[in-house]
Amino acid sequence: MPNIKSAIKRVKVNAKANAANSQAKSAMRTTVKKAENAVAANAENAQELLQAAYKSLDKAASKGLIHKNAAARKKSRLAKKA
């Protein structure tokens, strides 16, 4: 544990940011997985889930959780499955 006040604060801030980023990334993965499962099962709400997955991928890319090209790749692969 650091002794310097600013370093202590950085540890706290980094921990908080890491928790938020982990939660957001997990939520993104969940929406993508739901969309993939809906498309595979030919569910009637597959289109809505695809839109939600696209939105979460775009949001993650804009926040820097994933690279913009990774988001585009994932969206493309989802569209190909649909």
PDB file of N, CA and C in Angstrom:
ATOM      1  N   MET A   1       0.844  -1.180   0.000  1.00  0.00           N
ATOM      2  CA  MET A   1       0.000   0.000   0.000  1.00  0.00           C
ATOM      3  C   MET A   1       0.892   1.247   0.000  1.00  0.00           C
ATOM      4  N   PRO A   2       0.578   2.214  -0.846  1.00  0.00           N
ATOM      5  CA  PRO A   2       1.420   3.412  -0.910  1.00  0.00           C
ATOM      6  C   PRO A   2       1.285   4.286   0.335  1.00  0.00           C
ATOM      7  N   ASN A   3       2.330   5.075   0.579  1.00  0.00           N
ATOM      8  CA  ASN A   3       2.330   5.980   1.727  1.00  0.00           C
ATOM      9  C   ASN A   3       1.963   7.406   1.339  1.00  0.00           C
ATOM     10  N   ILE A   4       2.223   7.767   0.095  1.00  0.00           N
ATOM     11  CA  ILE A   4       1.979   9.136  -0.360  1.00  0.00           C
ATOM     12  C   ILE A   4       0.485   9.327  -0.615  1.00  0.00           C
ATOM     13  N   LYS A   5      -0.014  10.473  -0.185  1.00  0.00           N
ATOM     14  CA  LYS A   5      -1.443  10.748  -0.240  1.00  0.00           C
ATOM     15  C   LYS A   5      -1.999  10.638  -1.662  1.00  0.00           C
ATOM     16  N   SER A   6      -1.297  11.201  -2.632  1.00  0.00           N
ATOM     17  CA  SER A   6      -1.790  11.162  -4.019  1.00  0.00           C
ATOM     18  C   SER A   6      -1.784   9.740  -4.571  1.00  0.00           C
ATOM     19  N   ALA A   7      -0.801   8.949  -4.158  1.00  0.00           N
ATOM     20  CA  ALA A   7      -0.729   7.561  -4.608  1.00  0.00           C
ATOM     21  C   ALA A   7      -1.859   6.736  -3.992  1.00  0.00           C
ATOM     22  N   ILE A   8      -2.205   7.033  -2.742  1.00  0.00           N
ATOM     23  CA  ILE A   8      -3.323   6.356  -2.086  1.00  0.00           C
ATOM     24  C   ILE A   8      -4.612   6.658  -2.838  1.00  0.00           C
ATOM     25  N   LYS A   9      -4.775   7.931  -3.218  1.00  0.00           N
ATOM     26  CA  LYS A   9      -5.972   8.324  -3.960  1.00  0.00           C
ATOM     27  C   LYS A   9      -6.014   7.617  -5.314  1.00  0.00           C
ATOM     28  N   ARG A  10      -4.880   7.519  -5.999  1.00  0.00           N
ATOM     29  CA  ARG A  10      -4.847   6.861  -7.312  1.00  0.00           C
ATOM     30  C   ARG A  10      -5.282   5.403  -7.185  1.00  0.00           C
ATOM     31  N   VAL A  11      -4.856   4.738  -6.115  1.00  0.00           N
ATOM     32  CA  VAL A  11      -5.248   3.344  -5.896  1.00  0.00           C
ATOM     33  C   VAL A  11      -6.766   3.246  -5.766  1.00  0.00           C
ATOM     34  N   LYS A  12      -7.351   4.151  -4.984  1.00  0.00           N
ATOM     35  CA  LYS A  12      -8.805   4.139  -4.784  1.00  0.00           C
ATOM     36  C   LYS A  12      -9.548   4.440  -6.086  1.00  0.00           C
ATOM     37  N   VAL A  13      -9.089   5.450  -6.812  1.00  0.00           N
ATOM     38  CA  VAL A  13      -9.742   5.849  -8.064  1.00  0.00           C
ATOM     39  C   VAL A  13      -9.636   4.730  -9.096  1.00  0.00           C
ATOM     40  N   ASN A  14      -8.449   4.125  -9.178  1.00  0.00           N
ATOM     41  CA  ASN A  14      -8.256   3.030 -10.128  1.00  0.00           C
ATOM     42  C   ASN A  14      -9.139   1.831  -9.796  1.00  0.00           C
ATOM     43  N   ALA A  15      -9.295   1.535  -8.520  1.00  0.00           N
ATOM     44  CA  ALA A  15     -10.144   0.415  -8.112  1.00  0.00           C
ATOM     45  C   ALA A  15     -11.597   0.676  -8.488  1.00  0.00           C
ATOM     46  N   LYS A  16     -12.050   1.912  -8.285  1.00  0.00           N
ATOM     47  CA  LYS A  16     -13.425   2.278  -8.616  1.00  0.00           C
ATOM     48  C   LYS A  16     -13.654   2.200 -10.127  1.00  0.00           C
ATOM     49  N   ALA A  17     -12.695   2.723 -10.906  1.00  0.00           N
ATOM     50  CA  ALA A  17     -12.812   2.689 -12.358  1.00  0.00           C
ATOM     51  C   ALA A  17     -12.779   1.261 -12.872  1.00  0.00           C
ATOM     52  N   ASN A  18     -11.920   0.429 -12.277  1.00  0.00           N
ATOM     53  CA  ASN A  18     -11.824  -0.962 -12.688  1.00  0.00           C
ATOM     54  C   ASN A  18     -13.133  -1.702 -12.442  1.00  0.00           C
ATOM     55  N   ALA A  19     -13.774  -1.427 -11.320  1.00  0.00           N
ATOM     56  CA  ALA A  19     -15.052  -2.068 -11.008  1.00  0.00           C
ATOM     57  C   ALA A  19     -16.123  -1.645 -12.014  1.00  0.00           C
ATOM     58  N   ALA A  20     -16.164  -0.355 -12.348  1.00  0.00           N
ATOM     59  CA  ALA A  20     -17.146   0.144 -13.308  1.00  0.00           C
ATOM     60  C   ALA A  20     -16.900  -0.449 -14.692  1.00  0.00           C
ATOM     61  N   ASN A  21     -15.638  -0.500 -15.099  1.00  0.00           N
ATOM     62  CA  ASN A  21     -15.303  -1.036 -16.416  1.00  0.00           C
ATOM     63  C   ASN A  21     -15.620  -2.530 -16.505  1.00  0.00           C
ATOM     64  N   SER A  22     -15.337  -3.251 -15.445  1.00  0.00           N
ATOM     65  CA  SER A  22     -15.616  -4.687 -15.429  1.00  0.00           C
ATOM     66  C   SER A  22     -17.107  -4.944 -15.546  1.00  0.00           C
ATOM     67  N   GLN A  23     -17.896  -4.162 -14.831  1.00  0.00           N
ATOM     68  CA  GLN A  23     -19.347  -4.313 -14.866  1.00  0.00           C
ATOM     69  C   GLN A  23     -19.885  -4.005 -16.255  1.00  0.00           C
ATOM     70  N   ALA A  24     -19.394  -2.931 -16.869  1.00  0.00           N
ATOM     71  CA  ALA A  24     -19.867  -2.527 -18.193  1.00  0.00           C
ATOM     72  C   ALA A  24     -19.473  -3.560 -19.252  1.00  0.00           C
ATOM     73  N   LYS A  25     -18.260  -4.080 -19.159  1.00  0.00           N
ATOM     74  CA  LYS A  25     -17.787  -5.069 -20.131  1.00  0.00           C
ATOM     75  C   LYS A  25     -18.574  -6.373 -19.988  1.00  0.00           C
ATOM     76  N   SER A  26     -18.872  -6.746 -18.756  1.00  0.00           N
ATOM     77  CA  SER A  26     -19.650  -7.951 -18.508  1.00  0.00           C
ATOM     78  C   SER A  26     -21.063  -7.797 -19.067  1.00  0.00           C
ATOM     79  N   ALA A  27     -21.661  -6.627 -18.872  1.00  0.00           N
ATOM     80  CA  ALA A  27     -23.005  -6.372 -19.395  1.00  0.00           C
ATOM     81  C   ALA A  27     -23.005  -6.434 -20.922  1.00  0.00           C
ATOM     82  N   MET A  28     -21.945  -5.903 -21.533  1.00  0.00           N
ATOM     83  CA  MET A  28     -21.830  -5.946 -22.987  1.00  0.00           C
ATOM     84  C   MET A  28     -21.757  -7.390 -23.473  1.00  0.00           C
ATOM     85  N   ARG A  29     -20.934  -8.201 -22.819  1.00  0.00           N
ATOM     86  CA  ARG A  29     -20.803  -9.604 -23.206  1.00  0.00           C
ATOM     87  C   ARG A  29     -22.140 -10.335 -23.071  1.00  0.00           C
ATOM     88  N   THR A  30     -22.888 -10.009 -22.004  1.00  0.00           N
ATOM     89  CA  THR A  30     -24.179 -10.652 -21.768  1.00  0.00           C
ATOM     90  C   THR A  30     -25.161 -10.324 -22.877  1.00  0.00           C
ATOM     91  N   THR A  31     -25.235  -9.054 -23.290  1.00  0.00           N
ATOM     92  CA  THR A  31     -26.178  -8.681 -24.350  1.00  0.00           C
ATOM     93  C   THR A  31     -25.804  -9.346 -25.672  1.00  0.00           C
ATOM     94  N   VAL A  32     -24.510  -9.434 -25.952  1.00  0.00           N
ATOM     95  CA  VAL A  32     -24.059 -10.080 -27.188  1.00  0.00           C
ATOM     96  C   VAL A  32     -24.414 -11.567 -27.157  1.00  0.00           C
ATOM     97  N   LYS A  33     -24.194 -12.206 -26.012  1.00  0.00           N
ATOM     98  CA  LYS A  33     -24.494 -13.629 -25.886  1.00  0.00           C
ATOM     99  C   LYS A  33     -25.993 -13.896 -26.027  1.00  0.00           C
ATOM    100  N   LYS A  34     -26.826 -13.018 -25.435  1.00  0.00           N
ATOM    101  CA  LYS A  34     -28.278 -13.162 -25.562  1.00  0.00           C
ATOM    102  C   LYS A  34     -28.705 -13.049 -27.016  1.00  0.00           C
ATOM    103  N   ALA A  35     -28.113 -12.093 -27.733  1.00  0.00           N
ATOM    104  CA  ALA A  35     -28.449 -11.902 -29.147  1.00  0.00           C
ATOM    105  C   ALA A  35     -28.039 -13.126 -29.964  1.00  0.00           C
ATOM    106  N   GLU A  36     -26.840 -13.654 -29.709  1.00  0.00           N
ATOM    107  CA  GLU A  36     -26.376 -14.838 -30.437  1.00  0.00           C
ATOM    108  C   GLU A  36     -27.300 -16.027 -30.198  1.00  0.00           C
ATOM    109  N   ASN A  37     -27.715 -16.216 -28.946  1.00  0.00           N
ATOM    110  CA  ASN A  37     -28.601 -17.328 -28.615  1.00  0.00           C
ATOM    111  C   ASN A  37     -29.968 -17.160 -29.254  1.00  0.00           C
ATOM    112  N   ALA A  38     -30.468 -15.927 -29.294  1.00  0.00           N
ATOM    113  CA  ALA A  38     -31.773 -15.664 -29.900  1.00  0.00           C
ATOM    114  C   ALA A  38     -31.738 -15.915 -31.404  1.00  0.00           C
ATOM    115  N   VAL A  39     -30.653 -15.503 -32.041  1.00  0.00           N
ATOM    116  CA  VAL A  39     -30.515 -15.721 -33.489  1.00  0.00           C
ATOM    117  C   VAL A  39     -30.425 -17.221 -33.783  1.00  0.00           C
ATOM    118  N   ALA A  40     -29.664 -17.940 -32.966  1.00  0.00           N
ATOM    119  CA  ALA A  40     -29.513 -19.379 -33.174  1.00  0.00           C
ATOM    120  C   ALA A  40     -30.837 -20.114 -32.990  1.00  0.00           C
ATOM    121  N   ALA A  41     -31.680 -19.623 -32.066  1.00  0.00           N
ATOM    122  CA  ALA A  41     -32.950 -20.278 -31.777  1.00  0.00           C
ATOM    123  C   ALA A  41     -34.088 -19.735 -32.631  1.00  0.00           C
ATOM    124  N   ASN A  42     -33.788 -18.800 -33.534  1.00  0.00           N
ATOM    125  CA  ASN A  42     -34.811 -18.148 -34.370  1.00  0.00           C
ATOM    126  C   ASN A  42     -35.936 -17.555 -33.518  1.00  0.00           C
ATOM    127  N   ALA A  43     -35.564 -16.895 -32.430  1.00  0.00           N
ATOM    128  CA  ALA A  43     -36.554 -16.289 -31.541  1.00  0.00           C
ATOM    129  C   ALA A  43     -37.188 -15.078 -32.218  1.00  0.00           C
ATOM    130  N   GLU A  44     -38.422 -14.768 -31.810  1.00  0.00           N
ATOM    131  CA  GLU A  44     -39.122 -13.642 -32.439  1.00  0.00           C
ATOM    132  C   GLU A  44     -38.561 -12.289 -31.990  1.00  0.00           C
ATOM    133  N   ASN A  45     -37.903 -12.242 -30.834  1.00  0.00           N
ATOM    134  CA  ASN A  45     -37.324 -10.978 -30.371  1.00  0.00           C
ATOM    135  C   ASN A  45     -35.838 -10.860 -30.720  1.00  0.00           C
ATOM    136  N   ALA A  46     -35.394 -11.657 -31.690  1.00  0.00           N
ATOM    137  CA  ALA A  46     -33.971 -11.667 -32.053  1.00  0.00           C
ATOM    138  C   ALA A  46     -33.526 -10.307 -32.579  1.00  0.00           C
ATOM    139  N   GLN A  47     -34.386  -9.649 -33.362  1.00  0.00           N
ATOM    140  CA  GLN A  47     -34.017  -8.357 -33.943  1.00  0.00           C
ATOM    141  C   GLN A  47     -33.819  -7.309 -32.845  1.00  0.00           C
ATOM    142  N   GLU A  48     -34.692  -7.316 -31.839  1.00  0.00           N
ATOM    143  CA  GLU A  48     -34.557  -6.369 -30.723  1.00  0.00           C
ATOM    144  C   GLU A  48     -33.260  -6.629 -29.954  1.00  0.00           C
ATOM    145  N   LEU A  49     -32.968  -7.897 -29.727  1.00  0.00           N
ATOM    146  CA  LEU A  49     -31.752  -8.244 -29.001  1.00  0.00           C
ATOM    147  C   LEU A  49     -30.506  -7.897 -29.810  1.00  0.00           C
ATOM    148  N   LEU A  50     -30.588  -8.026 -31.130  1.00  0.00           N
ATOM    149  CA  LEU A  50     -29.465  -7.621 -31.979  1.00  0.00           C
ATOM    150  C   LEU A  50     -29.214  -6.121 -31.856  1.00  0.00           C
ATOM    151  N   GLN A  51     -30.285  -5.340 -31.878  1.00  0.00           N
ATOM    152  CA  GLN A  51     -30.147  -3.888 -31.742  1.00  0.00           C
ATOM    153  C   GLN A  51     -29.526  -3.534 -30.391  1.00  0.00           C
ATOM    154  N   ALA A  52     -29.954  -4.223 -29.341  1.00  0.00           N
ATOM    155  CA  ALA A  52     -29.389  -3.981 -28.013  1.00  0.00           C
ATOM    156  C   ALA A  52     -27.902  -4.340 -27.974  1.00  0.00           C
ATOM    157  N   ALA A  53     -27.547  -5.428 -28.661  1.00  0.00           N
ATOM    158  CA  ALA A  53     -26.143  -5.842 -28.707  1.00  0.00           C
ATOM    159  C   ALA A  53     -25.309  -4.816 -29.465  1.00  0.00           C
ATOM    160  N   TYR A  54     -25.833  -4.325 -30.590  1.00  0.00           N
ATOM    161  CA  TYR A  54     -25.124  -3.291 -31.358  1.00  0.00           C
ATOM    162  C   TYR A  54     -24.899  -2.050 -30.498  1.00  0.00           C
ATOM    163  N   LYS A  55     -25.942  -1.672 -29.780  1.00  0.00           N
ATOM    164  CA  LYS A  55     -25.859  -0.479 -28.938  1.00  0.00           C
ATOM    165  C   LYS A  55     -24.808  -0.651 -27.849  1.00  0.00           C
ATOM    166  N   SER A  56     -24.805  -1.810 -27.203  1.00  0.00           N
ATOM    167  CA  SER A  56     -23.842  -2.026 -26.124  1.00  0.00           C
ATOM    168  C   SER A  56     -22.414  -2.099 -26.661  1.00  0.00           C
ATOM    169  N   LEU A  57     -22.238  -2.671 -27.856  1.00  0.00           N
ATOM    170  CA  LEU A  57     -20.907  -2.715 -28.462  1.00  0.00           C
ATOM    171  C   LEU A  57     -20.422  -1.309 -28.813  1.00  0.00           C
ATOM    172  N   ASP A  58     -21.314  -0.503 -29.376  1.00  0.00           N
ATOM    173  CA  ASP A  58     -20.945   0.872 -29.713  1.00  0.00           C
ATOM    174  C   ASP A  58     -20.595   1.676 -28.464  1.00  0.00           C
ATOM    175  N   LYS A  59     -21.372   1.465 -27.421  1.00  0.00           N
ATOM    176  CA  LYS A  59     -21.137   2.184 -26.166  1.00  0.00           C
ATOM    177  C   LYS A  59     -19.796   1.779 -25.558  1.00  0.00           C
ATOM    178  N   ALA A  60     -19.505   0.489 -25.577  1.00  0.00           N
ATOM    179  CA  ALA A  60     -18.235   0.003 -25.035  1.00  0.00           C
ATOM    180  C   ALA A  60     -17.060   0.556 -25.827  1.00  0.00           C
ATOM    181  N   ALA A  61     -17.219   0.636 -27.146  1.00  0.00           N
ATOM    182  CA  ALA A  61     -16.152   1.173 -27.985  1.00  0.00           C
ATOM    183  C   ALA A  61     -15.952   2.658 -27.726  1.00  0.00           C
ATOM    184  N   SER A  62     -17.042   3.392 -27.538  1.00  0.00           N
ATOM    185  CA  SER A  62     -16.926   4.833 -27.312  1.00  0.00           C
ATOM    186  C   SER A  62     -16.291   5.147 -25.962  1.00  0.00           C
ATOM    187  N   LYS A  63     -16.487   4.257 -24.995  1.00  0.00           N
ATOM    188  CA  LYS A  63     -15.896   4.458 -23.670  1.00  0.00           C
ATOM    189  C   LYS A  63     -14.489   3.906 -23.566  1.00  0.00           C
ATOM    190  N   GLY A  64     -14.032   3.215 -24.621  1.00  0.00           N
ATOM    191  CA  GLY A  64     -12.677   2.681 -24.617  1.00  0.00           C
ATOM    192  C   GLY A  64     -12.545   1.328 -23.947  1.00  0.00           C
ATOM    193  N   LEU A  65     -13.654   0.666 -23.690  1.00  0.00           N
ATOM    194  CA  LEU A  65     -13.579  -0.663 -23.076  1.00  0.00           C
ATOM    195  C   LEU A  65     -13.060  -1.688 -24.075  1.00  0.00           C
ATOM    196  N   ILE A  66     -13.470  -1.522 -25.338  1.00  0.00           N
ATOM    197  CA  ILE A  66     -12.954  -2.363 -26.409  1.00  0.00           C
ATOM    198  C   ILE A  66     -12.571  -1.448 -27.565  1.00  0.00           C
ATOM    199  N   HIS A  67     -11.710  -1.923 -28.440  1.00  0.00           N
ATOM    200  CA  HIS A  67     -11.279  -1.130 -29.588  1.00  0.00           C
ATOM    201  C   HIS A  67     -12.433  -0.996 -30.578  1.00  0.00           C
ATOM    202  N   LYS A  68     -12.480   0.123 -31.290  1.00  0.00           N
ATOM    203  CA  LYS A  68     -13.590   0.356 -32.223  1.00  0.00           C
ATOM    204  C   LYS A  68     -13.624  -0.694 -33.327  1.00  0.00           C
ATOM    205  N   ASN A  69     -12.463  -1.180 -33.753  1.00  0.00           N
ATOM    206  CA  ASN A  69     -12.442  -2.220 -34.785  1.00  0.00           C
ATOM    207  C   ASN A  69     -12.945  -3.551 -34.233  1.00  0.00           C
ATOM    208  N   ALA A  70     -12.688  -3.810 -32.959  1.00  0.00           N
ATOM    209  CA  ALA A  70     -13.194  -5.030 -32.327  1.00  0.00           C
ATOM    210  C   ALA A  70     -14.715  -4.983 -32.266  1.00  0.00           C
ATOM    211  N   ALA A  71     -15.259  -3.802 -31.953  1.00  0.00           N
ATOM    212  CA  ALA A  71     -16.709  -3.643 -31.910  1.00  0.00           C
ATOM    213  C   ALA A  71     -17.301  -3.845 -33.301  1.00  0.00           C
ATOM    214  N   ALA A  72     -16.665  -3.268 -34.315  1.00  0.00           N
ATOM    215  CA  ALA A  72     -17.148  -3.417 -35.684  1.00  0.00           C
ATOM    216  C   ALA A  72     -17.102  -4.877 -36.117  1.00  0.00           C
ATOM    217  N   ARG A  73     -16.036  -5.577 -35.739  1.00  0.00           N
ATOM    218  CA  ARG A  73     -15.889  -6.988 -36.087  1.00  0.00           C
ATOM    219  C   ARG A  73     -16.994  -7.827 -35.436  1.00  0.00           C
ATOM    220  N   LYS A  74     -17.242  -7.563 -34.159  1.00  0.00           N
ATOM    221  CA  LYS A  74     -18.274  -8.318 -33.450  1.00  0.00           C
ATOM    222  C   LYS A  74     -19.659  -8.049 -34.038  1.00  0.00           C
ATOM    223  N   LYS A  75     -19.933  -6.788 -34.389  1.00  0.00           N
ATOM    224  CA  LYS A  75     -21.213  -6.430 -34.995  1.00  0.00           C
ATOM    225  C   LYS A  75     -21.374  -7.111 -36.343  1.00  0.00           C
ATOM    226  N   SER A  76     -20.301  -7.145 -37.109  1.00  0.00           N
ATOM    227  CA  SER A  76     -20.342  -7.784 -38.426  1.00  0.00           C
ATOM    228  C   SER A  76     -20.628  -9.271 -38.304  1.00  0.00           C
ATOM    229  N   ARG A  77     -19.983  -9.916 -37.355  1.00  0.00           N
ATOM    230  CA  ARG A  77     -20.183 -11.354 -37.165  1.00  0.00           C
ATOM    231  C   ARG A  77     -21.600 -11.654 -36.682  1.00  0.00           C
ATOM    232  N   LEU A  78     -22.141 -10.770 -35.838  1.00  0.00           N
ATOM    233  CA  LEU A  78     -23.511 -10.939 -35.393  1.00  0.00           C
ATOM    234  C   LEU A  78     -24.470 -10.804 -36.574  1.00  0.00           C
ATOM    235  N   ALA A  79     -24.236  -9.802 -37.412  1.00  0.00           N
ATOM    236  CA  ALA A  79     -25.107  -9.573 -38.568  1.00  0.00           C
ATOM    237  C   ALA A  79     -25.047 -10.753 -39.521  1.00  0.00           C
ATOM    238  N   LYS A  80     -23.879 -11.341 -39.665  1.00  0.00           N
ATOM    239  CA  LYS A  80     -23.717 -12.483 -40.573  1.00  0.00           C
ATOM    240  C   LYS A  80     -24.508 -13.688 -40.061  1.00  0.00           C
ATOM    241  N   LYS A  81     -24.566 -13.843 -38.743  1.00  0.00           N
ATOM    242  CA  LYS A  81     -25.309 -14.963 -38.167  1.00  0.00           C
ATOM    243  C   LYS A  81     -26.823 -14.769 -38.312  1.00  0.00           C
ATOM    244  N   ALA A  82     -27.243 -13.516 -38.315  1.00  0.00           N
ATOM    245  CA  ALA A  82     -28.695 -13.216 -38.344  1.00  0.00           C
ATOM    246  C   ALA A  82     -29.317 -13.468 -39.693  1.00  0.00           C
TER     247      ALA A  82
END
